[in-house]
Amino acid sequence: MGGEIKILIIFLLVSVLIRLALQGFQSYTIQSVGQGLTARIRKDLFSHAINLSLKYHDSMPVGKLLTRLTSDVDALSEVFGSGAVGVIADVVTLAVISITMVLIDLKLGILLLTTQIPVTLFILWLQQRYRKSNYRVREELSELNADFQENLQGIEVVQMFRRQSVNARRFNQTGIAYRNAVNSIIFYDSSISAFIEWVSLAVVALVIAIGGWFVTSGSMGLGTLTTFILYSQRLFEPLRQLAERFTQIQGGLTAVERIGELLEEKIEILDVYSNEEKSKNDLIKSKSVGLGEIVFDNVSFHYRSDDQIISNLSFRISPGEHVALVGPTGSGKTTLIRLLCRLYEPQEGRILIDGVNIKDIPLIDLRRQIGVVLQDTFLFSGNVADNLRLDASITDEKLTEICKELGLIPLLNRFPNGLHTLLRERGGNISSGERQLLSVARVAIRSPKILILDEATAFMDPSTEATLQRDLDRLLEKRTALVIAHRLATIELSDRILVMKKGKLIEQGSHQELLKQSGLYSQLARLQEQGLAKF
């Protein structure tokens, strides 16, 4: 007899250990699968976001996008990790308890289950209110992140203009709005928990009252009533768990809704490789080697239908021609450059490079043919070499050789580790002039056939500017160049000048020809000579 008890005890211990091991394995597997799914969602979301046009990103604060990539995806992770799987276990437990109660006593079991219908409907109503409040919380969190990110990006301006207290008050108002939104979901969450607790006590009291009457009438035994009371108490445990999980799932559904809004944003700049309607001849033609002819054919572009940025713009730049683009602020110069690089898509007209519509040129080929140097140079966190390479496969030795040709060796020697010097975000640990030098080198490495320069020497001291200008002249040889010019000295060196105003080409010609026309260019040139304005 004693041996049988020992075997039973050992069997129970082994069973407990196996159960614990399986529970641990289940928890690990569920969490692992959940993290894998959310990692894939985050990857797809990021890929979609960076392929959206610049037009979309111009209107969407970075902080709001970050919230969708982080907080919203994390909410999905919680659902995948526990909520969805736990619902199945709770539903099975609820079904087993319900069936058992009906088998114990049909009348009392049906009566008890009938009371759950209005309870369930009320909980579902509260869940819907919770979901709306949760959506508001996500929106307020996006505003909070956007506000925080904007202040960090503009920290220099904030401190120089003593905006700390003003911006802190604005941020506090955003924080209060977020807190109020969070309080609303806390209210609904607490209401659900309190309601279930109240109903569970009321149902047990109902079972005791009706069951007691059955016992006194002799239609039910005391043991049956006791069993039924215990099961009625257990009935609400999975119901309570379901309510908590559904609250979690509602948060996940809100995240899905917000993520879906981003994924539904149409990718305007479609690559030719993903467009099945393009013929093979177009692809072959797009890969042909050209000299860099640029044609704008009745191009129009707007953000809104009532706000025309570029209007019926037509011009031709011959291969190897150097053209200066001038005009007042807001005339559409930068937009024109972005259209040429297919960062924006025109609503009307065509843009051709060497006779091929840029829509028929694969983006990787188009942007390999065009080199852009802007005033606001963006450098990634990482080392100097990686910022020069970007997508180019090139060795350190070749990089050093190119830098030597451009006269950048003195610059590299100033860096502690040369090409392997680490740069902070946006190149914050080097000067504006040094960032501009690296930007020019980055373009030179790719040897494009079309160069776009936005006053590339704007942030340089005279000595560095003279050195780089000589290298730029060498880089511009036998290449088409489009220069957004601000200084008369740069403009005069151009083969031709395009003058823009309010998105239209109003004048074109050489410096001397335009001066004779006594138009807008002549006025701007005269003002700049007097030191009163710049292009």
Protein backbone atom coordinates (compact mmCIF):
# COMPACT_ATOMS: atom_id res chain seq x y z
CA MET A 1 0.00 0.00 0.00
CA GLY A 2 2.83 2.38 0.94
CA GLY A 3 4.61 1.63 -2.36
CA GLU A 4 1.51 2.52 -4.35
CA ILE A 5 1.23 5.86 -2.54
CA LYS A 6 4.89 6.62 -3.31
CA ILE A 7 4.32 5.82 -6.99
CA LEU A 8 1.25 8.06 -7.00
CA ILE A 9 3.21 10.90 -5.36
CA ILE A 10 6.07 10.52 -7.86
CA PHE A 11 3.56 10.45 -10.71
CA LEU A 12 1.92 13.65 -9.43
CA LEU A 13 5.31 15.38 -9.04
CA VAL A 14 6.34 14.39 -12.57
CA SER A 15 2.98 15.59 -13.88
CA VAL A 16 3.43 18.95 -12.15
CA LEU A 17 6.96 19.32 -13.54
CA ILE A 18 5.80 18.42 -17.05
CA ARG A 19 2.91 20.89 -16.75
CA LEU A 20 5.28 23.66 -15.64
CA ALA A 21 7.69 22.86 -18.47
CA LEU A 22 4.88 22.85 -21.05
CA GLN A 23 3.52 26.12 -19.67
CA GLY A 24 6.96 27.70 -19.96
CA PHE A 25 7.37 26.36 -23.50
CA GLN A 26 3.89 27.60 -24.44
CA SER A 27 4.58 31.06 -23.04
CA TYR A 28 7.95 31.27 -24.84
CA THR A 29 6.48 30.05 -28.14
CA ILE A 30 3.53 32.44 -28.01
CA GLN A 31 5.76 35.41 -27.18
CA SER A 32 8.28 34.42 -29.85
CA VAL A 33 5.61 34.09 -32.55
CA GLY A 34 4.07 37.38 -31.46
CA GLN A 35 7.40 39.20 -31.64
CA GLY A 36 8.12 37.65 -35.03
CA LEU A 37 4.80 38.86 -36.43
CA THR A 38 5.21 42.38 -35.05
CA ALA A 39 8.80 42.55 -36.36
CA ARG A 40 7.50 41.71 -39.82
CA ILE A 41 4.70 44.29 -39.53
CA ARG A 42 7.18 46.94 -38.38
CA LYS A 43 9.48 46.08 -41.31
CA ASP A 44 6.62 46.31 -43.84
CA LEU A 45 5.40 49.54 -42.27
CA PHE A 46 8.87 51.10 -42.43
CA SER A 47 9.36 49.96 -46.02
CA HIS A 48 6.00 51.47 -47.00
CA ALA A 49 6.68 54.73 -45.13
CA ILE A 50 10.05 55.39 -46.81
CA ASN A 51 8.54 54.69 -50.23
CA LEU A 52 5.77 57.25 -49.80
CA SER A 53 6.34 60.42 -51.79
CA LEU A 54 7.97 63.52 -50.38
CA LYS A 55 4.59 65.20 -50.80
CA TYR A 56 3.17 62.95 -48.06
CA HIS A 57 6.12 63.41 -45.72
CA ASP A 58 5.95 67.20 -46.12
CA SER A 59 2.51 67.13 -44.48
CA MET A 60 3.10 64.38 -41.87
CA PRO A 61 5.07 65.20 -38.69
CA VAL A 62 7.87 62.72 -38.00
CA GLY A 63 6.66 62.18 -34.42
CA LYS A 64 3.31 60.86 -35.64
CA LEU A 65 5.00 58.35 -37.93
CA LEU A 66 7.28 57.24 -35.09
CA THR A 67 4.24 56.56 -32.89
CA ARG A 68 2.79 54.23 -35.52
CA LEU A 69 6.09 52.43 -35.98
CA THR A 70 6.67 51.97 -32.25
CA SER A 71 3.72 52.38 -29.87
CA ASP A 72 1.03 51.13 -32.26
CA VAL A 73 3.06 48.10 -33.30
CA ASP A 74 3.83 47.33 -29.63
CA ALA A 75 0.07 47.29 -28.94
CA LEU A 76 -0.25 44.61 -31.62
CA SER A 77 2.59 42.69 -30.01
CA GLU A 78 0.62 42.41 -26.76
CA VAL A 79 -2.38 41.00 -28.64
CA PHE A 80 -0.29 38.43 -30.52
CA GLY A 81 1.68 37.58 -27.39
CA SER A 82 -1.16 36.76 -25.02
CA GLY A 83 -4.60 38.12 -25.89
CA ALA A 84 -5.50 36.10 -28.97
CA VAL A 85 -4.35 32.72 -27.62
CA GLY A 86 -5.79 33.36 -24.14
CA VAL A 87 -9.24 34.01 -25.63
CA ILE A 88 -9.38 30.43 -26.93
CA ALA A 89 -8.58 28.97 -23.51
CA ASP A 90 -11.12 31.23 -21.78
CA VAL A 91 -13.88 30.39 -24.27
CA VAL A 92 -13.27 26.65 -23.84
CA THR A 93 -13.31 26.99 -20.03
CA LEU A 94 -16.52 29.03 -20.20
CA ALA A 95 -18.18 26.46 -22.45
CA VAL A 96 -17.19 23.52 -20.22
CA ILE A 97 -18.48 25.24 -17.06
CA SER A 98 -21.74 26.23 -18.79
CA ILE A 99 -22.39 22.69 -20.05
CA THR A 100 -21.58 21.23 -16.63
CA MET A 101 -24.03 23.61 -14.91
CA VAL A 102 -26.81 22.70 -17.36
CA LEU A 103 -26.14 19.00 -16.74
CA ILE A 104 -26.26 19.49 -12.96
CA ASP A 105 -29.62 21.28 -13.09
CA LEU A 106 -31.30 22.18 -16.37
CA LYS A 107 -33.68 24.89 -15.12
CA LEU A 108 -31.21 26.72 -12.89
CA GLY A 109 -28.44 26.37 -15.49
CA ILE A 110 -30.54 27.89 -18.30
CA LEU A 111 -31.72 30.67 -15.98
CA LEU A 112 -28.16 31.51 -15.02
CA LEU A 113 -26.89 31.48 -18.60
CA THR A 114 -29.82 33.64 -19.73
CA THR A 115 -28.70 36.37 -17.34
CA GLN A 116 -25.37 36.48 -19.19
CA ILE A 117 -26.93 37.79 -22.41
CA PRO A 118 -27.62 41.38 -21.21
CA VAL A 119 -24.35 41.31 -19.25
CA THR A 120 -22.40 40.41 -22.40
CA LEU A 121 -24.19 43.06 -24.49
CA PHE A 122 -23.41 45.76 -21.91
CA ILE A 123 -19.75 44.71 -21.75
CA LEU A 124 -19.51 44.85 -25.56
CA TRP A 125 -20.99 48.37 -25.50
CA LEU A 126 -18.38 49.42 -22.96
CA GLN A 127 -15.68 47.83 -25.15
CA GLN A 128 -16.76 49.93 -28.13
CA ARG A 129 -16.53 53.08 -26.01
CA TYR A 130 -13.13 51.91 -24.83
CA ARG A 131 -11.93 51.47 -28.42
CA LYS A 132 -12.94 55.02 -29.40
CA SER A 133 -11.18 56.39 -26.33
CA ASN A 134 -8.12 54.29 -27.13
CA TYR A 135 -7.98 55.75 -30.64
CA ARG A 136 -8.03 59.22 -29.11
CA VAL A 137 -5.16 58.21 -26.80
CA ARG A 138 -3.09 57.09 -29.82
CA GLU A 139 -3.77 60.37 -31.60
CA GLU A 140 -2.83 62.43 -28.54
CA LEU A 141 0.34 60.35 -28.10
CA SER A 142 1.23 61.10 -31.72
CA GLU A 143 0.79 64.81 -31.05
CA LEU A 144 2.93 64.52 -27.92
CA ASN A 145 5.74 62.74 -29.79
CA ALA A 146 5.54 65.19 -32.71
CA ASP A 147 5.76 68.16 -30.34
CA PHE A 148 8.69 66.63 -28.46
CA GLN A 149 10.56 65.73 -31.64
CA GLU A 150 10.03 69.22 -33.12
CA ASN A 151 11.46 70.90 -30.02
CA LEU A 152 14.51 68.62 -30.01
CA GLN A 153 15.17 69.23 -33.71
CA GLY A 154 14.89 72.98 -33.19
CA ILE A 155 16.69 73.08 -29.84
CA GLU A 156 19.16 75.70 -31.08
CA VAL A 157 16.38 78.10 -32.05
CA VAL A 158 14.45 77.31 -28.85
CA GLN A 159 17.42 78.26 -26.68
CA MET A 160 18.62 81.24 -28.73
CA PHE A 161 15.18 82.87 -28.72
CA ARG A 162 14.49 81.87 -25.10
CA ARG A 163 11.45 79.82 -26.03
CA GLN A 164 11.96 77.25 -23.26
CA SER A 165 9.13 78.43 -21.01
CA VAL A 166 6.70 79.12 -23.88
CA ASN A 167 7.34 75.76 -25.54
CA ALA A 168 7.19 74.03 -22.16
CA ARG A 169 3.70 75.45 -21.62
CA ARG A 170 2.63 74.29 -25.07
CA PHE A 171 4.07 70.85 -24.42
CA ASN A 172 2.30 70.77 -21.05
CA GLN A 173 -1.03 71.47 -22.77
CA THR A 174 -0.38 68.58 -25.15
CA GLY A 175 0.52 66.41 -22.15
CA ILE A 176 -2.72 67.36 -20.37
CA ALA A 177 -4.75 66.41 -23.45
CA TYR A 178 -2.95 63.04 -23.51
CA ARG A 179 -3.54 62.52 -19.77
CA ASN A 180 -7.27 63.26 -20.16
CA ALA A 181 -7.48 60.78 -23.02
CA VAL A 182 -5.74 58.12 -20.91
CA ASN A 183 -8.10 58.83 -18.00
CA SER A 184 -11.06 58.08 -20.25
CA ILE A 185 -9.81 54.59 -21.11
CA ILE A 186 -8.97 53.98 -17.43
CA PHE A 187 -12.59 54.87 -16.62
CA TYR A 188 -14.02 52.39 -19.14
CA ASP A 189 -11.54 49.68 -18.16
CA SER A 190 -12.39 50.11 -14.47
CA SER A 191 -16.12 50.18 -15.26
CA ILE A 192 -15.89 46.82 -17.00
CA SER A 193 -14.04 45.20 -14.07
CA ALA A 194 -16.38 46.70 -11.45
CA PHE A 195 -19.48 45.70 -13.44
CA ILE A 196 -18.36 42.07 -13.74
CA GLU A 197 -17.60 41.91 -10.00
CA TRP A 198 -21.02 43.32 -9.15
CA VAL A 199 -22.82 40.94 -11.52
CA SER A 200 -20.90 37.91 -10.19
CA LEU A 201 -22.03 38.69 -6.63
CA ALA A 202 -25.61 39.31 -7.78
CA VAL A 203 -25.71 36.00 -9.69
CA VAL A 204 -24.39 34.02 -6.70
CA ALA A 205 -27.07 35.64 -4.53
CA LEU A 206 -29.69 34.73 -7.16
CA VAL A 207 -28.48 31.11 -7.24
CA ILE A 208 -28.60 30.89 -3.44
CA ALA A 209 -32.13 32.37 -3.34
CA ILE A 210 -33.64 30.24 -6.11
CA GLY A 211 -31.60 27.16 -5.21
CA GLY A 212 -32.64 27.48 -1.56
CA TRP A 213 -36.25 27.54 -2.65
CA PHE A 214 -35.63 24.38 -4.73
CA VAL A 215 -34.01 22.68 -1.71
CA THR A 216 -36.89 23.54 0.64
CA SER A 217 -39.38 22.28 -1.94
CA GLY A 218 -37.43 19.03 -2.23
CA SER A 219 -36.67 19.34 -5.98
CA MET A 220 -32.91 19.77 -5.38
CA GLY A 221 -30.47 18.34 -2.88
CA LEU A 222 -28.22 20.50 -0.72
CA GLY A 223 -25.10 18.93 -2.23
CA THR A 224 -26.28 19.79 -5.74
CA LEU A 225 -26.92 23.40 -4.70
CA THR A 226 -23.45 23.67 -3.13
CA THR A 227 -21.85 22.33 -6.33
CA PHE A 228 -23.89 24.72 -8.43
CA ILE A 229 -22.85 27.70 -6.30
CA LEU A 230 -19.18 26.78 -6.73
CA TYR A 231 -19.58 26.50 -10.51
CA SER A 232 -21.48 29.80 -10.70
CA GLN A 233 -18.53 31.47 -8.97
CA ARG A 234 -16.06 29.84 -11.36
CA LEU A 235 -18.20 30.89 -14.34
CA PHE A 236 -17.14 34.51 -13.94
CA GLU A 237 -13.40 33.86 -13.79
CA PRO A 238 -13.04 33.13 -17.56
CA LEU A 239 -15.61 35.87 -18.22
CA ARG A 240 -13.43 38.31 -16.27
CA GLN A 241 -10.35 37.13 -18.19
CA LEU A 242 -12.22 37.49 -21.49
CA ALA A 243 -13.19 41.07 -20.63
CA GLU A 244 -9.55 41.93 -19.87
CA ARG A 245 -8.32 40.26 -23.05
CA PHE A 246 -10.98 41.94 -25.16
CA THR A 247 -9.88 45.27 -23.71
CA GLN A 248 -6.36 44.40 -24.81
CA ILE A 249 -7.64 43.31 -28.21
CA GLN A 250 -9.60 46.57 -28.59
CA GLY A 251 -6.32 48.42 -28.08
CA GLY A 252 -4.78 46.20 -30.75
CA LEU A 253 -7.68 46.86 -33.13
CA THR A 254 -7.17 50.59 -32.64
CA ALA A 255 -3.50 50.11 -33.52
CA VAL A 256 -4.50 48.04 -36.58
CA GLU A 257 -6.81 50.86 -37.68
CA ARG A 258 -4.05 53.47 -37.40
CA ILE A 259 -1.45 51.22 -39.04
CA GLY A 260 -3.96 50.45 -41.79
CA GLU A 261 -4.42 54.17 -42.46
CA LEU A 262 -0.69 54.45 -43.14
CA LEU A 263 -0.53 51.30 -45.27
CA GLU A 264 -3.50 52.51 -47.32
CA GLU A 265 -1.60 55.66 -48.28
CA LYS A 266 -1.00 55.34 -52.01
CA ILE A 267 2.60 55.15 -53.21
CA GLU A 268 2.59 57.84 -55.90
CA ILE A 269 6.12 57.28 -57.20
CA LEU A 270 5.76 53.86 -58.83
CA ASP A 271 8.97 52.19 -59.99
CA VAL A 272 8.95 50.95 -63.56
CA TYR A 273 9.95 47.45 -62.39
CA SER A 274 6.71 47.17 -60.43
CA ASN A 275 4.52 48.47 -63.26
CA GLU A 276 3.56 45.55 -65.48
CA GLU A 277 2.11 47.84 -68.17
CA LYS A 278 5.56 49.08 -69.19
CA SER A 279 7.04 47.35 -72.21
CA LYS A 280 10.44 45.74 -72.39
CA ASN A 281 11.45 48.26 -75.07
CA ASP A 282 10.95 51.10 -72.60
CA LEU A 283 13.19 49.34 -70.10
CA ILE A 284 15.90 48.70 -72.67
CA LYS A 285 15.71 52.29 -73.88
CA SER A 286 15.93 53.64 -70.34
CA LYS A 287 19.21 51.82 -69.77
CA SER A 288 20.85 53.29 -72.84
CA VAL A 289 23.78 55.61 -72.25
CA GLY A 290 22.85 59.26 -72.91
CA LEU A 291 24.56 62.61 -72.61
CA GLY A 292 22.18 64.29 -70.17
CA GLU A 293 19.52 66.13 -72.17
CA ILE A 294 16.65 67.41 -69.97
CA VAL A 295 13.21 68.33 -71.32
CA PHE A 296 10.22 69.67 -69.36
CA ASP A 297 7.10 69.37 -71.53
CA ASN A 298 4.08 71.35 -70.20
CA VAL A 299 4.70 70.22 -66.62
CA SER A 300 2.23 71.26 -63.92
CA PHE A 301 2.29 70.41 -60.23
CA HIS A 302 0.21 71.32 -57.19
CA TYR A 303 -0.27 70.21 -53.60
CA ARG A 304 -3.89 71.34 -53.71
CA SER A 305 -5.99 72.04 -56.79
CA ASP A 306 -6.29 75.70 -55.78
CA ASP A 307 -2.54 76.11 -55.12
CA GLN A 308 -0.58 75.71 -58.36
CA ILE A 309 3.17 75.44 -57.68
CA ILE A 310 4.39 74.72 -61.24
CA SER A 311 2.22 75.77 -64.18
CA ASN A 312 2.71 74.59 -67.80
CA LEU A 313 6.50 74.65 -67.51
CA SER A 314 8.40 73.85 -70.72
CA PHE A 315 12.11 74.13 -71.49
CA ARG A 316 15.01 72.09 -72.87
CA ILE A 317 18.56 71.79 -71.52
CA SER A 318 21.06 70.47 -74.05
CA PRO A 319 23.60 67.77 -73.12
CA GLY A 320 26.57 69.35 -71.34
CA GLU A 321 24.83 72.73 -70.96
CA HIS A 322 25.17 74.60 -67.67
CA VAL A 323 21.93 76.34 -66.72
CA ALA A 324 21.27 78.66 -63.78
CA LEU A 325 17.81 78.65 -62.23
CA VAL A 326 16.87 81.95 -60.58
CA GLY A 327 13.75 83.56 -59.19
CA PRO A 328 12.19 84.98 -56.03
CA THR A 329 11.47 82.81 -53.00
CA GLY A 330 8.47 80.58 -53.70
CA SER A 331 8.88 80.66 -57.47
CA GLY A 332 9.12 76.84 -57.67
CA LYS A 333 12.87 76.28 -58.10
CA THR A 334 13.21 73.58 -55.42
CA THR A 335 9.97 71.91 -56.56
CA LEU A 336 11.36 71.73 -60.10
CA ILE A 337 14.44 69.89 -58.81
CA ARG A 338 12.30 67.44 -56.84
CA LEU A 339 10.16 66.77 -59.91
CA LEU A 340 13.29 66.01 -61.95
CA CYS A 341 14.48 63.55 -59.29
CA ARG A 342 10.95 62.01 -59.09
CA LEU A 343 10.53 62.92 -55.45
CA TYR A 344 7.26 64.51 -56.61
CA GLU A 345 5.03 63.35 -59.46
CA PRO A 346 3.61 66.03 -61.79
CA GLN A 347 -0.15 66.08 -62.33
CA GLU A 348 0.31 67.08 -65.97
CA GLY A 349 3.05 66.98 -68.59
CA ARG A 350 6.23 64.95 -69.08
CA ILE A 351 9.84 65.16 -67.96
CA LEU A 352 12.36 63.55 -70.32
CA ILE A 353 16.02 62.64 -69.92
CA ASP A 354 17.73 61.82 -73.21
CA GLY A 355 14.32 61.45 -74.84
CA VAL A 356 12.96 58.97 -72.27
CA ASN A 357 10.12 59.82 -69.90
CA ILE A 358 11.54 59.57 -66.38
CA LYS A 359 8.50 57.45 -65.44
CA ASP A 360 9.89 54.81 -67.81
CA ILE A 361 13.32 54.83 -66.15
CA PRO A 362 13.83 52.56 -63.12
CA LEU A 363 14.32 54.75 -60.05
CA ILE A 364 17.69 53.18 -59.26
CA ASP A 365 18.93 54.12 -62.75
CA LEU A 366 17.35 57.59 -62.73
CA ARG A 367 18.87 58.59 -59.42
CA ARG A 368 22.22 57.11 -60.39
CA GLN A 369 22.27 59.49 -63.38
CA ILE A 370 21.51 62.56 -61.24
CA GLY A 371 23.79 63.99 -58.57
CA VAL A 372 22.32 66.54 -56.15
CA VAL A 373 24.19 68.86 -53.78
CA LEU A 374 21.85 70.94 -51.64
CA GLN A 375 22.58 73.65 -49.07
CA ASP A 376 21.00 71.60 -46.28
CA THR A 377 23.26 68.55 -46.34
CA PHE A 378 22.01 65.48 -44.48
CA LEU A 379 24.57 63.10 -42.98
CA PHE A 380 23.68 59.85 -41.24
CA SER A 381 25.08 58.73 -37.92
CA GLY A 382 28.00 56.44 -38.74
CA ASN A 383 31.51 56.93 -40.08
CA VAL A 384 32.63 59.28 -42.85
CA ALA A 385 33.29 56.45 -45.32
CA ASP A 386 29.74 55.06 -45.03
CA ASN A 387 28.29 58.53 -45.57
CA LEU A 388 30.35 58.92 -48.74
CA ARG A 389 29.52 55.45 -50.06
CA LEU A 390 25.80 55.21 -49.27
CA ASP A 391 24.72 52.62 -51.90
CA ALA A 392 28.00 52.60 -53.88
CA SER A 393 30.35 49.60 -53.71
CA ILE A 394 33.74 51.24 -53.32
CA THR A 395 36.86 50.49 -51.29
CA ASP A 396 38.51 52.78 -48.75
CA GLU A 397 41.50 53.13 -51.08
CA LYS A 398 39.29 54.37 -53.93
CA LEU A 399 37.50 56.73 -51.54
CA THR A 400 40.82 58.17 -50.42
CA GLU A 401 41.88 58.62 -54.06
CA ILE A 402 38.68 60.52 -54.92
CA CYS A 403 39.02 62.69 -51.83
CA LYS A 404 42.59 63.47 -52.87
CA GLU A 405 41.41 64.53 -56.34
CA LEU A 406 38.83 66.82 -54.74
CA GLY A 407 41.36 68.33 -52.36
CA LEU A 408 39.65 66.87 -49.29
CA ILE A 409 42.74 65.26 -47.73
CA PRO A 410 43.33 68.27 -45.42
CA LEU A 411 39.72 67.86 -44.26
CA LEU A 412 40.16 64.13 -43.59
CA ASN A 413 43.39 64.85 -41.74
CA ARG A 414 41.44 67.13 -39.38
CA PHE A 415 39.21 64.20 -38.43
CA PRO A 416 40.59 62.02 -35.58
CA ASN A 417 40.27 58.74 -37.52
CA GLY A 418 40.08 59.95 -41.11
CA LEU A 419 37.45 58.08 -43.13
CA HIS A 420 36.55 56.02 -40.07
CA THR A 421 35.70 59.02 -37.90
CA LEU A 422 32.24 58.59 -36.39
CA LEU A 423 29.68 61.28 -37.16
CA ARG A 424 26.76 62.12 -34.93
CA GLU A 425 23.20 62.39 -36.21
CA ARG A 426 23.01 64.89 -39.12
CA GLY A 427 26.79 65.40 -38.81
CA GLY A 428 26.34 67.46 -35.67
CA ASN A 429 30.02 67.15 -34.64
CA ILE A 430 31.42 68.83 -37.80
CA SER A 431 30.93 72.29 -39.29
CA SER A 432 28.44 73.26 -42.02
CA GLY A 433 31.29 73.78 -44.49
CA GLU A 434 32.73 70.34 -43.75
CA ARG A 435 29.31 68.76 -44.25
CA GLN A 436 29.05 70.52 -47.60
CA LEU A 437 32.48 69.24 -48.67
CA LEU A 438 31.43 65.67 -47.85
CA SER A 439 28.19 66.19 -49.77
CA VAL A 440 30.09 67.22 -52.91
CA ALA A 441 32.44 64.24 -52.54
CA ARG A 442 29.44 61.93 -52.16
CA VAL A 443 28.14 63.07 -55.55
CA ALA A 444 31.55 62.97 -57.24
CA ILE A 445 31.98 59.30 -56.29
CA ARG A 446 28.96 58.34 -58.41
CA SER A 447 30.07 60.31 -61.49
CA PRO A 448 26.52 61.27 -62.60
CA LYS A 449 25.80 62.70 -66.03
CA ILE A 450 23.48 65.40 -64.62
CA LEU A 451 24.49 67.64 -61.71
CA ILE A 452 22.09 69.71 -59.63
CA LEU A 453 23.70 72.27 -57.34
CA ASP A 454 21.93 74.50 -54.85
CA GLU A 455 24.72 77.05 -54.28
CA ALA A 456 27.03 74.24 -53.16
CA THR A 457 29.67 76.60 -51.75
CA ALA A 458 27.26 78.68 -49.65
CA PHE A 459 28.61 77.67 -46.22
CA MET A 460 32.34 77.73 -46.99
CA ASP A 461 35.08 80.17 -46.14
CA PRO A 462 36.74 81.91 -49.13
CA SER A 463 39.81 79.65 -49.13
CA THR A 464 37.82 76.40 -49.03
CA GLU A 465 35.33 77.80 -51.54
CA ALA A 466 38.08 78.61 -54.04
CA THR A 467 39.55 75.11 -53.74
CA LEU A 468 36.21 73.38 -54.10
CA GLN A 469 35.05 75.64 -56.92
CA ARG A 470 38.05 74.53 -58.95
CA ASP A 471 37.16 70.88 -58.30
CA LEU A 472 33.51 71.57 -59.13
CA ASP A 473 34.54 73.08 -62.45
CA ARG A 474 36.42 69.86 -63.22
CA LEU A 475 33.39 67.82 -62.11
CA LEU A 476 31.07 69.88 -64.32
CA GLU A 477 33.10 69.20 -67.48
CA LYS A 478 31.07 67.30 -70.11
CA ARG A 479 28.12 67.10 -67.73
CA THR A 480 24.73 68.76 -67.80
CA ALA A 481 24.34 71.09 -64.83
CA LEU A 482 21.31 72.77 -63.31
CA VAL A 483 22.30 75.30 -60.65
CA ILE A 484 19.90 77.01 -58.26
CA ALA A 485 21.94 80.18 -58.10
CA HIS A 486 21.81 82.94 -55.49
CA ARG A 487 24.93 84.95 -56.32
CA LEU A 488 25.57 86.95 -59.45
CA ALA A 489 29.12 85.57 -59.85
CA THR A 490 27.76 82.03 -60.16
CA ILE A 491 24.96 83.03 -62.51
CA GLU A 492 27.25 84.87 -64.95
CA LEU A 493 29.31 81.69 -65.49
CA SER A 494 26.23 79.77 -66.75
CA ASP A 495 25.56 79.09 -70.43
CA ARG A 496 21.91 80.03 -69.97
CA ILE A 497 19.66 81.42 -67.26
CA LEU A 498 16.04 80.37 -66.56
CA VAL A 499 14.03 82.95 -64.61
CA MET A 500 10.99 81.68 -62.72
CA LYS A 501 8.15 83.47 -60.97
CA LYS A 502 5.11 81.85 -59.33
CA GLY A 503 5.81 78.51 -60.99
CA LYS A 504 6.17 79.88 -64.52
CA LEU A 505 9.18 80.41 -66.78
CA ILE A 506 9.04 84.12 -67.58
CA GLU A 507 12.53 84.76 -69.01
CA GLN A 508 15.49 82.81 -70.37
CA GLY A 509 18.78 83.66 -72.01
CA SER A 510 22.35 84.61 -71.19
CA HIS A 511 23.27 87.15 -68.53
CA GLN A 512 23.79 89.96 -71.04
CA GLU A 513 20.63 89.11 -73.00
CA LEU A 514 18.47 89.21 -69.88
CA LEU A 515 19.96 92.49 -68.71
CA LYS A 516 18.92 94.07 -72.01
CA GLN A 517 15.32 92.86 -71.57
CA SER A 518 14.89 95.03 -68.43
CA GLY A 519 12.67 92.38 -66.87
CA LEU A 520 12.66 90.63 -63.49
CA TYR A 521 16.21 89.31 -63.90
CA SER A 522 17.52 92.79 -64.66
CA GLN A 523 15.82 94.14 -61.52
CA LEU A 524 17.22 91.36 -59.31
CA ALA A 525 20.73 91.77 -60.77
CA ARG A 526 20.66 95.51 -60.17
CA LEU A 527 19.47 95.05 -56.57
CA GLN A 528 22.18 92.46 -55.87
CA GLU A 529 24.89 94.71 -57.27
CA GLN A 530 23.70 97.30 -54.76
CA GLY A 531 23.77 94.68 -51.99
CA LEU A 532 20.01 94.95 -51.42
CA ALA A 533 18.92 91.47 -52.51
CA LYS A 534 20.01 88.07 -53.72
CA PHE A 535 18.56 85.68 -56.24
